[in-house]
PDB file of N, CA and C in Angstrom:
ATOM      1  N   MET A   1      -8.513  13.186  45.568  1.00  0.00           N
ATOM      2  CA  MET A   1      -7.925  12.403  46.739  1.00  0.00           C
ATOM      3  C   MET A   1      -8.725  10.459  45.956  1.00  0.00           C
ATOM      4  N   THR A   2      -7.686   9.667  45.692  1.00  0.00           N
ATOM      5  CA  THR A   2      -7.792   8.631  45.519  1.00  0.00           C
ATOM      6  C   THR A   2      -8.198   7.680  46.404  1.00  0.00           C
ATOM      7  N   GLU A   3      -8.982   6.160  46.331  1.00  0.00           N
ATOM      8  CA  GLU A   3      -9.527   5.841  46.434  1.00  0.00           C
ATOM      9  C   GLU A   3      -8.710   5.160  47.712  1.00  0.00           C
ATOM     10  N   SER A   4      -7.587   5.055  47.513  1.00  0.00           N
ATOM     11  CA  SER A   4      -6.214   5.010  48.333  1.00  0.00           C
ATOM     12  C   SER A   4      -5.662   5.829  49.709  1.00  0.00           C
ATOM     13  N   ASP A   5      -6.031   6.998  48.712  1.00  0.00           N
ATOM     14  CA  ASP A   5      -5.952   7.810  49.555  1.00  0.00           C
ATOM     15  C   ASP A   5      -6.415   8.273  51.123  1.00  0.00           C
ATOM     16  N   THR A   6      -8.091   7.709  50.891  1.00  0.00           N
ATOM     17  CA  THR A   6      -9.402   7.538  51.939  1.00  0.00           C
ATOM     18  C   THR A   6      -8.834   7.335  52.753  1.00  0.00           C
ATOM     19  N   PRO A   7      -8.478   7.483  54.171  1.00  0.00           N
ATOM     20  CA  PRO A   7      -8.354   6.749  55.485  1.00  0.00           C
ATOM     21  C   PRO A   7      -9.275   6.036  55.759  1.00  0.00           C
ATOM     22  N   ILE A   8      -8.603   3.854  56.746  1.00  0.00           N
ATOM     23  CA  ILE A   8     -10.121   3.489  56.517  1.00  0.00           C
ATOM     24  C   ILE A   8     -10.144   3.346  58.646  1.00  0.00           C
ATOM     25  N   LEU A   9     -10.799   3.652  58.672  1.00  0.00           N
ATOM     26  CA  LEU A   9     -10.984   2.957  60.314  1.00  0.00           C
ATOM     27  C   LEU A   9     -11.392   1.879  60.445  1.00  0.00           C
ATOM     28  N   ILE A  10     -11.447   1.192  61.193  1.00  0.00           N
ATOM     29  CA  ILE A  10     -11.890  -0.213  61.409  1.00  0.00           C
ATOM     30  C   ILE A  10     -12.310  -0.282  62.968  1.00  0.00           C
ATOM     31  N   GLY A  11     -13.417  -0.474  63.022  1.00  0.00           N
ATOM     32  CA  GLY A  11     -13.656   0.094  64.376  1.00  0.00           C
ATOM     33  C   GLY A  11     -15.419  -0.339  64.309  1.00  0.00           C
ATOM     34  N   ASP A  12     -15.934  -0.106  66.308  1.00  0.00           N
ATOM     35  CA  ASP A  12     -17.081  -0.359  66.662  1.00  0.00           C
ATOM     36  C   ASP A  12     -17.605   0.643  65.961  1.00  0.00           C
ATOM     37  N   GLU A  13     -19.080   0.702  65.627  1.00  0.00           N
ATOM     38  CA  GLU A  13     -20.092   1.325  65.093  1.00  0.00           C
ATOM     39  C   GLU A  13     -19.859   2.805  66.142  1.00  0.00           C
ATOM     40  N   LEU A  14     -19.889   3.151  66.951  1.00  0.00           N
ATOM     41  CA  LEU A  14     -19.696   3.860  67.913  1.00  0.00           C
ATOM     42  C   LEU A  14     -18.531   5.361  66.922  1.00  0.00           C
ATOM     43  N   SER A  15     -17.372   4.502  67.219  1.00  0.00           N
ATOM     44  CA  SER A  15     -16.144   5.419  67.682  1.00  0.00           C
ATOM     45  C   SER A  15     -16.367   5.785  65.868  1.00  0.00           C
ATOM     46  N   ALA A  16     -17.023   4.896  64.820  1.00  0.00           N
ATOM     47  CA  ALA A  16     -16.861   5.131  63.605  1.00  0.00           C
ATOM     48  C   ALA A  16     -17.234   6.291  63.171  1.00  0.00           C
ATOM     49  N   ALA A  17     -18.481   6.249  63.873  1.00  0.00           N
ATOM     50  CA  ALA A  17     -19.239   7.483  63.776  1.00  0.00           C
ATOM     51  C   ALA A  17     -18.734   9.087  63.216  1.00  0.00           C
ATOM     52  N   GLY A  18     -17.586   9.318  64.191  1.00  0.00           N
ATOM     53  CA  GLY A  18     -16.972  10.621  63.785  1.00  0.00           C
ATOM     54  C   GLY A  18     -16.475  10.097  62.809  1.00  0.00           C
ATOM     55  N   TYR A  19     -15.582   9.420  62.483  1.00  0.00           N
ATOM     56  CA  TYR A  19     -14.528   8.872  61.514  1.00  0.00           C
ATOM     57  C   TYR A  19     -15.379   9.194  60.024  1.00  0.00           C
ATOM     58  N   ARG A  20     -16.495   8.528  59.991  1.00  0.00           N
ATOM     59  CA  ARG A  20     -17.390   8.748  58.507  1.00  0.00           C
ATOM     60  C   ARG A  20     -17.621  10.137  58.786  1.00  0.00           C
ATOM     61  N   LEU A  21     -18.150  10.923  59.361  1.00  0.00           N
ATOM     62  CA  LEU A  21     -18.072  12.185  59.109  1.00  0.00           C
ATOM     63  C   LEU A  21     -16.392  12.882  58.609  1.00  0.00           C
ATOM     64  N   ALA A  22     -15.913  12.444  58.980  1.00  0.00           N
ATOM     65  CA  ALA A  22     -14.420  13.834  58.604  1.00  0.00           C
ATOM     66  C   ALA A  22     -14.182  12.990  57.406  1.00  0.00           C
ATOM     67  N   GLY A  23     -14.954  11.798  56.809  1.00  0.00           N
ATOM     68  CA  GLY A  23     -14.368  11.968  55.252  1.00  0.00           C
ATOM     69  C   GLY A  23     -13.638   9.947  55.100  1.00  0.00           C
ATOM     70  N   ALA A  24     -13.754   9.626  56.119  1.00  0.00           N
ATOM     71  CA  ALA A  24     -12.939   8.285  56.342  1.00  0.00           C
ATOM     72  C   ALA A  24     -13.919   7.099  56.182  1.00  0.00           C
ATOM     73  N   ARG A  25     -13.301   5.969  55.476  1.00  0.00           N
ATOM     74  CA  ARG A  25     -13.976   4.872  55.145  1.00  0.00           C
ATOM     75  C   ARG A  25     -14.111   3.964  56.802  1.00  0.00           C
ATOM     76  N   VAL A  26     -15.276   3.476  56.573  1.00  0.00           N
ATOM     77  CA  VAL A  26     -15.234   2.814  57.991  1.00  0.00           C
ATOM     78  C   VAL A  26     -15.921   1.120  57.857  1.00  0.00           C
ATOM     79  N   LEU A  27     -15.203   0.474  57.636  1.00  0.00           N
ATOM     80  CA  LEU A  27     -15.308  -1.240  58.503  1.00  0.00           C
ATOM     81  C   LEU A  27     -15.759  -1.457  59.816  1.00  0.00           C
ATOM     82  N   SER A  28     -17.087  -2.244  60.344  1.00  0.00           N
ATOM     83  CA  SER A  28     -17.391  -2.383  61.709  1.00  0.00           C
ATOM     84  C   SER A  28     -17.449  -3.849  61.817  1.00  0.00           C
ATOM     85  N   PRO A  29     -16.349  -4.329  61.331  1.00  0.00           N
ATOM     86  CA  PRO A  29     -16.929  -6.362  61.601  1.00  0.00           C
ATOM     87  C   PRO A  29     -17.746  -6.704  62.900  1.00  0.00           C
ATOM     88  N   PRO A  30     -17.919  -7.581  62.900  1.00  0.00           N
ATOM     89  CA  PRO A  30     -18.365  -8.619  63.872  1.00  0.00           C
ATOM     90  C   PRO A  30     -16.524  -8.982  64.853  1.00  0.00           C
ATOM     91  N   ILE A  31     -16.466  -8.753  65.576  1.00  0.00           N
ATOM     92  CA  ILE A  31     -14.869  -8.814  66.499  1.00  0.00           C
ATOM     93  C   ILE A  31     -14.179  -9.762  65.966  1.00  0.00           C
ATOM     94  N   GLU A  32     -15.218 -11.069  65.835  1.00  0.00           N
ATOM     95  CA  GLU A  32     -14.125 -11.988  65.328  1.00  0.00           C
ATOM     96  C   GLU A  32     -13.451 -12.129  63.914  1.00  0.00           C
ATOM     97  N   GLY A  33     -14.308 -10.829  62.825  1.00  0.00           N
ATOM     98  CA  GLY A  33     -14.263 -10.708  61.639  1.00  0.00           C
ATOM     99  C   GLY A  33     -12.840  -9.908  61.213  1.00  0.00           C
ATOM    100  N   VAL A  34     -12.304  -9.201  62.440  1.00  0.00           N
ATOM    101  CA  VAL A  34     -10.898  -8.097  61.993  1.00  0.00           C
ATOM    102  C   VAL A  34     -10.123  -8.544  61.592  1.00  0.00           C
ATOM    103  N   PRO A  35      -9.465  -9.690  62.168  1.00  0.00           N
ATOM    104  CA  PRO A  35      -8.352 -10.169  60.718  1.00  0.00           C
ATOM    105  C   PRO A  35      -8.669 -10.019  59.107  1.00  0.00           C
ATOM    106  N   ALA A  36     -10.080 -10.484  58.901  1.00  0.00           N
ATOM    107  CA  ALA A  36     -10.199 -10.159  57.561  1.00  0.00           C
ATOM    108  C   ALA A  36     -10.345  -8.836  56.994  1.00  0.00           C
ATOM    109  N   ALA A  37     -11.014  -7.972  57.989  1.00  0.00           N
ATOM    110  CA  ALA A  37     -11.170  -6.589  57.578  1.00  0.00           C
ATOM    111  C   ALA A  37     -10.062  -6.216  57.484  1.00  0.00           C
ATOM    112  N   PHE A  38      -9.052  -5.975  58.603  1.00  0.00           N
ATOM    113  CA  PHE A  38      -7.332  -5.637  58.125  1.00  0.00           C
ATOM    114  C   PHE A  38      -6.889  -5.920  57.159  1.00  0.00           C
ATOM    115  N   GLU A  39      -7.077  -6.932  56.277  1.00  0.00           N
ATOM    116  CA  GLU A  39      -5.953  -7.649  55.546  1.00  0.00           C
ATOM    117  C   GLU A  39      -7.531  -6.798  53.804  1.00  0.00           C
ATOM    118  N   GLU A  40      -8.363  -7.016  54.237  1.00  0.00           N
ATOM    119  CA  GLU A  40      -9.309  -5.828  53.152  1.00  0.00           C
ATOM    120  C   GLU A  40      -8.855  -4.397  53.163  1.00  0.00           C
ATOM    121  N   ALA A  41      -8.527  -3.552  53.987  1.00  0.00           N
ATOM    122  CA  ALA A  41      -8.044  -2.182  54.655  1.00  0.00           C
ATOM    123  C   ALA A  41      -6.854  -2.151  54.122  1.00  0.00           C
ATOM    124  N   ARG A  42      -6.317  -2.998  54.030  1.00  0.00           N
ATOM    125  CA  ARG A  42      -4.284  -3.298  53.499  1.00  0.00           C
ATOM    126  C   ARG A  42      -4.260  -3.259  52.412  1.00  0.00           C
ATOM    127  N   ARG A  43      -4.909  -3.721  51.785  1.00  0.00           N
ATOM    128  CA  ARG A  43      -5.225  -3.989  50.485  1.00  0.00           C
ATOM    129  C   ARG A  43      -5.352  -2.505  49.828  1.00  0.00           C
ATOM    130  N   GLY A  44      -6.172  -2.096  50.196  1.00  0.00           N
ATOM    131  CA  GLY A  44      -7.193  -0.756  49.442  1.00  0.00           C
ATOM    132  C   GLY A  44      -6.631   0.361  50.101  1.00  0.00           C
ATOM    133  N   ALA A  45      -5.620   0.799  51.520  1.00  0.00           N
ATOM    134  CA  ALA A  45      -5.214   1.903  51.936  1.00  0.00           C
ATOM    135  C   ALA A  45      -3.637   1.850  51.959  1.00  0.00           C
ATOM    136  N   ARG A  46      -3.804   3.520  52.092  1.00  0.00           N
ATOM    137  CA  ARG A  46      -2.512   3.533  52.809  1.00  0.00           C
ATOM    138  C   ARG A  46      -1.880   4.081  54.201  1.00  0.00           C
ATOM    139  N   PHE A  47      -3.403   4.545  54.995  1.00  0.00           N
ATOM    140  CA  PHE A  47      -3.579   4.659  56.191  1.00  0.00           C
ATOM    141  C   PHE A  47      -4.818   3.957  56.905  1.00  0.00           C
ATOM    142  N   ILE A  48      -4.599   3.551  57.678  1.00  0.00           N
ATOM    143  CA  ILE A  48      -5.470   2.419  58.296  1.00  0.00           C
ATOM    144  C   ILE A  48      -5.580   3.228  60.144  1.00  0.00           C
ATOM    145  N   LEU A  49      -6.892   3.382  60.185  1.00  0.00           N
ATOM    146  CA  LEU A  49      -6.930   3.585  61.778  1.00  0.00           C
ATOM    147  C   LEU A  49      -7.525   2.457  62.120  1.00  0.00           C
ATOM    148  N   ILE A  50      -6.817   1.892  63.543  1.00  0.00           N
ATOM    149  CA  ILE A  50      -7.968   1.090  64.435  1.00  0.00           C
ATOM    150  C   ILE A  50      -7.600   0.784  65.517  1.00  0.00           C
ATOM    151  N   THR A  51      -9.230   1.049  66.246  1.00  0.00           N
ATOM    152  CA  THR A  51      -9.437   1.001  67.792  1.00  0.00           C
ATOM    153  C   THR A  51      -8.782   0.132  68.241  1.00  0.00           C
ATOM    154  N   THR A  52      -8.174   0.581  69.984  1.00  0.00           N
ATOM    155  CA  THR A  52      -7.499  -0.528  70.781  1.00  0.00           C
ATOM    156  C   THR A  52      -7.887  -1.792  70.298  1.00  0.00           C
ATOM    157  N   GLU A  53      -9.508  -1.677  71.046  1.00  0.00           N
ATOM    158  CA  GLU A  53     -10.172  -3.366  70.815  1.00  0.00           C
ATOM    159  C   GLU A  53     -10.063  -3.933  69.724  1.00  0.00           C
ATOM    160  N   TYR A  54     -10.234  -3.293  68.688  1.00  0.00           N
ATOM    161  CA  TYR A  54      -9.930  -4.091  67.207  1.00  0.00           C
ATOM    162  C   TYR A  54      -8.674  -4.842  67.245  1.00  0.00           C
ATOM    163  N   ALA A  55      -7.125  -3.528  67.176  1.00  0.00           N
ATOM    164  CA  ALA A  55      -6.060  -4.228  67.166  1.00  0.00           C
ATOM    165  C   ALA A  55      -5.885  -5.129  67.990  1.00  0.00           C
ATOM    166  N   ALA A  56      -5.941  -5.615  69.455  1.00  0.00           N
ATOM    167  CA  ALA A  56      -5.863  -6.524  70.525  1.00  0.00           C
ATOM    168  C   ALA A  56      -6.090  -7.539  69.322  1.00  0.00           C
ATOM    169  N   ARG A  57      -7.001  -7.779  68.258  1.00  0.00           N
ATOM    170  CA  ARG A  57      -7.811  -8.791  67.789  1.00  0.00           C
ATOM    171  C   ARG A  57      -6.990  -9.774  66.844  1.00  0.00           C
ATOM    172  N   LEU A  58      -5.319  -8.927  66.207  1.00  0.00           N
ATOM    173  CA  LEU A  58      -4.720  -8.823  65.431  1.00  0.00           C
ATOM    174  C   LEU A  58      -3.701  -9.542  65.389  1.00  0.00           C
ATOM    175  N   PRO A  59      -3.245 -10.542  65.485  1.00  0.00           N
ATOM    176  CA  PRO A  59      -1.621 -11.132  65.458  1.00  0.00           C
ATOM    177  C   PRO A  59      -0.753  -9.359  65.018  1.00  0.00           C
ATOM    178  N   ARG A  60       0.229 -10.216  66.161  1.00  0.00           N
ATOM    179  CA  ARG A  60       1.117  -8.565  65.857  1.00  0.00           C
ATOM    180  C   ARG A  60       1.791  -8.847  64.664  1.00  0.00           C
ATOM    181  N   GLU A  61       2.244  -9.523  63.827  1.00  0.00           N
ATOM    182  CA  GLU A  61       2.772  -9.383  62.794  1.00  0.00           C
ATOM    183  C   GLU A  61       1.874  -8.812  61.863  1.00  0.00           C
ATOM    184  N   ALA A  62       0.589  -8.999  61.824  1.00  0.00           N
ATOM    185  CA  ALA A  62      -0.050  -7.991  60.485  1.00  0.00           C
ATOM    186  C   ALA A  62       0.189  -6.524  61.157  1.00  0.00           C
ATOM    187  N   LEU A  63       0.305  -6.543  61.839  1.00  0.00           N
ATOM    188  CA  LEU A  63       0.462  -4.677  62.103  1.00  0.00           C
ATOM    189  C   LEU A  63       1.985  -4.533  61.534  1.00  0.00           C
ATOM    190  N   HIS A  64       2.875  -5.067  61.981  1.00  0.00           N
ATOM    191  CA  HIS A  64       4.001  -5.453  61.220  1.00  0.00           C
ATOM    192  C   HIS A  64       4.124  -4.937  59.679  1.00  0.00           C
ATOM    193  N   ASP A  65       3.160  -6.440  59.515  1.00  0.00           N
ATOM    194  CA  ASP A  65       3.512  -6.587  58.350  1.00  0.00           C
ATOM    195  C   ASP A  65       3.281  -5.225  57.015  1.00  0.00           C
ATOM    196  N   ALA A  66       2.042  -4.875  57.580  1.00  0.00           N
ATOM    197  CA  ALA A  66       1.593  -3.751  56.642  1.00  0.00           C
ATOM    198  C   ALA A  66       2.425  -2.734  57.086  1.00  0.00           C
ATOM    199  N   ARG A  67       3.174  -2.248  57.731  1.00  0.00           N
ATOM    200  CA  ARG A  67       3.929  -1.338  57.880  1.00  0.00           C
ATOM    201  C   ARG A  67       5.042  -1.255  57.009  1.00  0.00           C
ATOM    202  N   ARG A  68       5.412  -2.776  57.342  1.00  0.00           N
ATOM    203  CA  ARG A  68       6.940  -2.651  56.249  1.00  0.00           C
ATOM    204  C   ARG A  68       6.068  -2.770  54.974  1.00  0.00           C
ATOM    205  N   ALA A  69       5.045  -2.705  54.546  1.00  0.00           N
ATOM    206  CA  ALA A  69       4.272  -3.097  52.855  1.00  0.00           C
ATOM    207  C   ALA A  69       3.979  -1.187  53.146  1.00  0.00           C
ATOM    208  N   GLY A  70       4.523  -0.435  53.505  1.00  0.00           N
ATOM    209  CA  GLY A  70       3.966   1.135  53.538  1.00  0.00           C
ATOM    210  C   GLY A  70       2.830   1.578  53.816  1.00  0.00           C
ATOM    211  N   VAL A  71       2.167   0.979  54.774  1.00  0.00           N
ATOM    212  CA  VAL A  71       0.860   1.406  55.043  1.00  0.00           C
ATOM    213  C   VAL A  71       1.455   1.991  56.499  1.00  0.00           C
ATOM    214  N   PHE A  72       0.512   3.104  56.669  1.00  0.00           N
ATOM    215  CA  PHE A  72       0.558   3.926  57.992  1.00  0.00           C
ATOM    216  C   PHE A  72      -0.474   3.212  58.622  1.00  0.00           C
ATOM    217  N   VAL A  73      -0.201   2.509  59.876  1.00  0.00           N
ATOM    218  CA  VAL A  73      -1.368   2.243  60.908  1.00  0.00           C
ATOM    219  C   VAL A  73      -1.231   3.025  61.941  1.00  0.00           C
ATOM    220  N   ALA A  74      -2.340   3.413  62.704  1.00  0.00           N
ATOM    221  CA  ALA A  74      -2.485   4.231  63.511  1.00  0.00           C
ATOM    222  C   ALA A  74      -3.573   3.221  64.809  1.00  0.00           C
ATOM    223  N   ILE A  75      -3.033   3.360  65.951  1.00  0.00           N
ATOM    224  CA  ILE A  75      -4.018   2.572  66.463  1.00  0.00           C
ATOM    225  C   ILE A  75      -4.745   3.613  68.048  1.00  0.00           C
ATOM    226  N   VAL A  76      -6.276   3.889  67.715  1.00  0.00           N
ATOM    227  CA  VAL A  76      -6.631   5.066  68.625  1.00  0.00           C
ATOM    228  C   VAL A  76      -7.843   4.956  69.069  1.00  0.00           C
ATOM    229  N   PRO A  77      -7.862   5.267  70.480  1.00  0.00           N
ATOM    230  CA  PRO A  77      -8.865   4.819  71.635  1.00  0.00           C
ATOM    231  C   PRO A  77     -10.593   5.108  70.825  1.00  0.00           C
ATOM    232  N   ALA A  78     -11.058   3.840  71.140  1.00  0.00           N
ATOM    233  CA  ALA A  78     -12.480   3.661  71.148  1.00  0.00           C
ATOM    234  C   ALA A  78     -13.379   4.881  72.005  1.00  0.00           C
ATOM    235  N   VAL A  79     -14.377   5.406  71.930  1.00  0.00           N
ATOM    236  CA  VAL A  79     -15.288   5.703  72.330  1.00  0.00           C
ATOM    237  C   VAL A  79     -15.166   5.605  73.546  1.00  0.00           C
ATOM    238  N   ARG A  80     -15.594   4.096  73.968  1.00  0.00           N
ATOM    239  CA  ARG A  80     -16.036   4.072  74.986  1.00  0.00           C
ATOM    240  C   ARG A  80     -14.558   3.023  75.694  1.00  0.00           C
ATOM    241  N   ALA A  81     -13.257   3.586  75.238  1.00  0.00           N
ATOM    242  CA  ALA A  81     -12.609   2.614  74.984  1.00  0.00           C
ATOM    243  C   ALA A  81     -11.671   2.291  76.904  1.00  0.00           C
ATOM    244  N   ALA A  82     -12.219   0.655  76.493  1.00  0.00           N
ATOM    245  CA  ALA A  82     -11.885  -0.489  77.698  1.00  0.00           C
ATOM    246  C   ALA A  82      -9.935  -0.545  77.883  1.00  0.00           C
ATOM    247  N   VAL A  83      -9.628  -0.727  76.758  1.00  0.00           N
ATOM    248  CA  VAL A  83      -8.113  -0.582  76.539  1.00  0.00           C
ATOM    249  C   VAL A  83      -7.700   0.594  76.170  1.00  0.00           C
ATOM    250  N   ALA A  84      -6.429   1.133  76.925  1.00  0.00           N
ATOM    251  CA  ALA A  84      -5.664   2.195  76.525  1.00  0.00           C
ATOM    252  C   ALA A  84      -4.701   1.814  75.226  1.00  0.00           C
ATOM    253  N   PRO A  85      -4.624   2.861  74.166  1.00  0.00           N
ATOM    254  CA  PRO A  85      -3.854   2.909  73.341  1.00  0.00           C
ATOM    255  C   PRO A  85      -1.999   2.978  73.877  1.00  0.00           C
ATOM    256  N   PRO A  86      -1.959   1.997  73.086  1.00  0.00           N
ATOM    257  CA  PRO A  86      -0.448   1.663  73.310  1.00  0.00           C
ATOM    258  C   PRO A  86       0.457   2.936  73.259  1.00  0.00           C
ATOM    259  N   ASP A  87       1.473   2.752  74.787  1.00  0.00           N
ATOM    260  CA  ASP A  87       2.020   4.361  75.010  1.00  0.00           C
ATOM    261  C   ASP A  87       3.369   4.104  73.574  1.00  0.00           C
ATOM    262  N   PRO A  88       3.210   4.986  73.104  1.00  0.00           N
ATOM    263  CA  PRO A  88       4.619   5.625  71.586  1.00  0.00           C
ATOM    264  C   PRO A  88       5.972   5.456  72.691  1.00  0.00           C
ATOM    265  N   GLY A  89       5.610   6.346  73.927  1.00  0.00           N
ATOM    266  CA  GLY A  89       7.322   6.489  73.945  1.00  0.00           C
ATOM    267  C   GLY A  89       8.162   5.323  74.985  1.00  0.00           C
ATOM    268  N   ALA A  90       7.332   4.403  75.446  1.00  0.00           N
ATOM    269  CA  ALA A  90       7.645   3.219  76.044  1.00  0.00           C
ATOM    270  C   ALA A  90       7.727   2.052  75.018  1.00  0.00           C
ATOM    271  N   ALA A  91       6.947   2.066  73.962  1.00  0.00           N
ATOM    272  CA  ALA A  91       7.519   1.223  72.685  1.00  0.00           C
ATOM    273  C   ALA A  91       8.739   1.788  72.222  1.00  0.00           C
ATOM    274  N   LEU A  92       9.097   2.905  72.007  1.00  0.00           N
ATOM    275  CA  LEU A  92      10.460   3.570  71.525  1.00  0.00           C
ATOM    276  C   LEU A  92      11.445   3.117  72.378  1.00  0.00           C
ATOM    277  N   ARG A  93      11.429   3.097  73.744  1.00  0.00           N
ATOM    278  CA  ARG A  93      12.296   2.912  75.178  1.00  0.00           C
ATOM    279  C   ARG A  93      12.736   1.585  74.422  1.00  0.00           C
ATOM    280  N   ARG A  94      12.113   0.370  74.524  1.00  0.00           N
ATOM    281  CA  ARG A  94      12.044  -0.907  74.713  1.00  0.00           C
ATOM    282  C   ARG A  94      12.354  -1.002  73.351  1.00  0.00           C
ATOM    283  N   GLU A  95      12.234  -0.569  72.244  1.00  0.00           N
ATOM    284  CA  GLU A  95      13.103  -0.527  70.682  1.00  0.00           C
ATOM    285  C   GLU A  95      14.448  -0.017  70.810  1.00  0.00           C
ATOM    286  N   LEU A  96      14.586   1.382  71.874  1.00  0.00           N
ATOM    287  CA  LEU A  96      16.245   1.254  71.485  1.00  0.00           C
ATOM    288  C   LEU A  96      17.067   0.833  72.853  1.00  0.00           C
ATOM    289  N   GLY A  97      16.354  -0.157  73.455  1.00  0.00           N
ATOM    290  CA  GLY A  97      16.970  -0.647  74.811  1.00  0.00           C
ATOM    291  C   GLY A  97      17.152   0.118  76.513  1.00  0.00           C
ATOM    292  N   VAL A  98      16.371   1.456  76.095  1.00  0.00           N
ATOM    293  CA  VAL A  98      16.683   2.137  77.250  1.00  0.00           C
ATOM    294  C   VAL A  98      15.528   1.986  78.486  1.00  0.00           C
ATOM    295  N   GLN A  99      15.841   1.445  79.126  1.00  0.00           N
ATOM    296  CA  GLN A  99      14.499   1.231  80.323  1.00  0.00           C
ATOM    297  C   GLN A  99      14.534   2.941  81.520  1.00  0.00           C
ATOM    298  N   GLU A 100      13.530   3.039  82.106  1.00  0.00           N
ATOM    299  CA  GLU A 100      13.752   4.148  82.874  1.00  0.00           C
ATOM    300  C   GLU A 100      13.931   3.366  84.055  1.00  0.00           C
TER     301      GLU A 100
END
């Protein structure tokens, strides 16, 4: 496994503990440092996990730019999730123009 094959989690220390044990590289910046940590991860990984609280601190285009560059980005709940992860079904329905 190369360095770029190792998943990176960007999130709080408590959430990061389990991911670290599973072999992920972990970045736990202060909340104001999230955009810089995301750019660092984007340059060095093909698979990024980011907790909902940290993802909320990113400009929307940062996620889109990473995905367009071939980086898989998954938004995951934190251990103490105050923000629910986005509903992928709702996002897909919005993209397709289909409403319930």
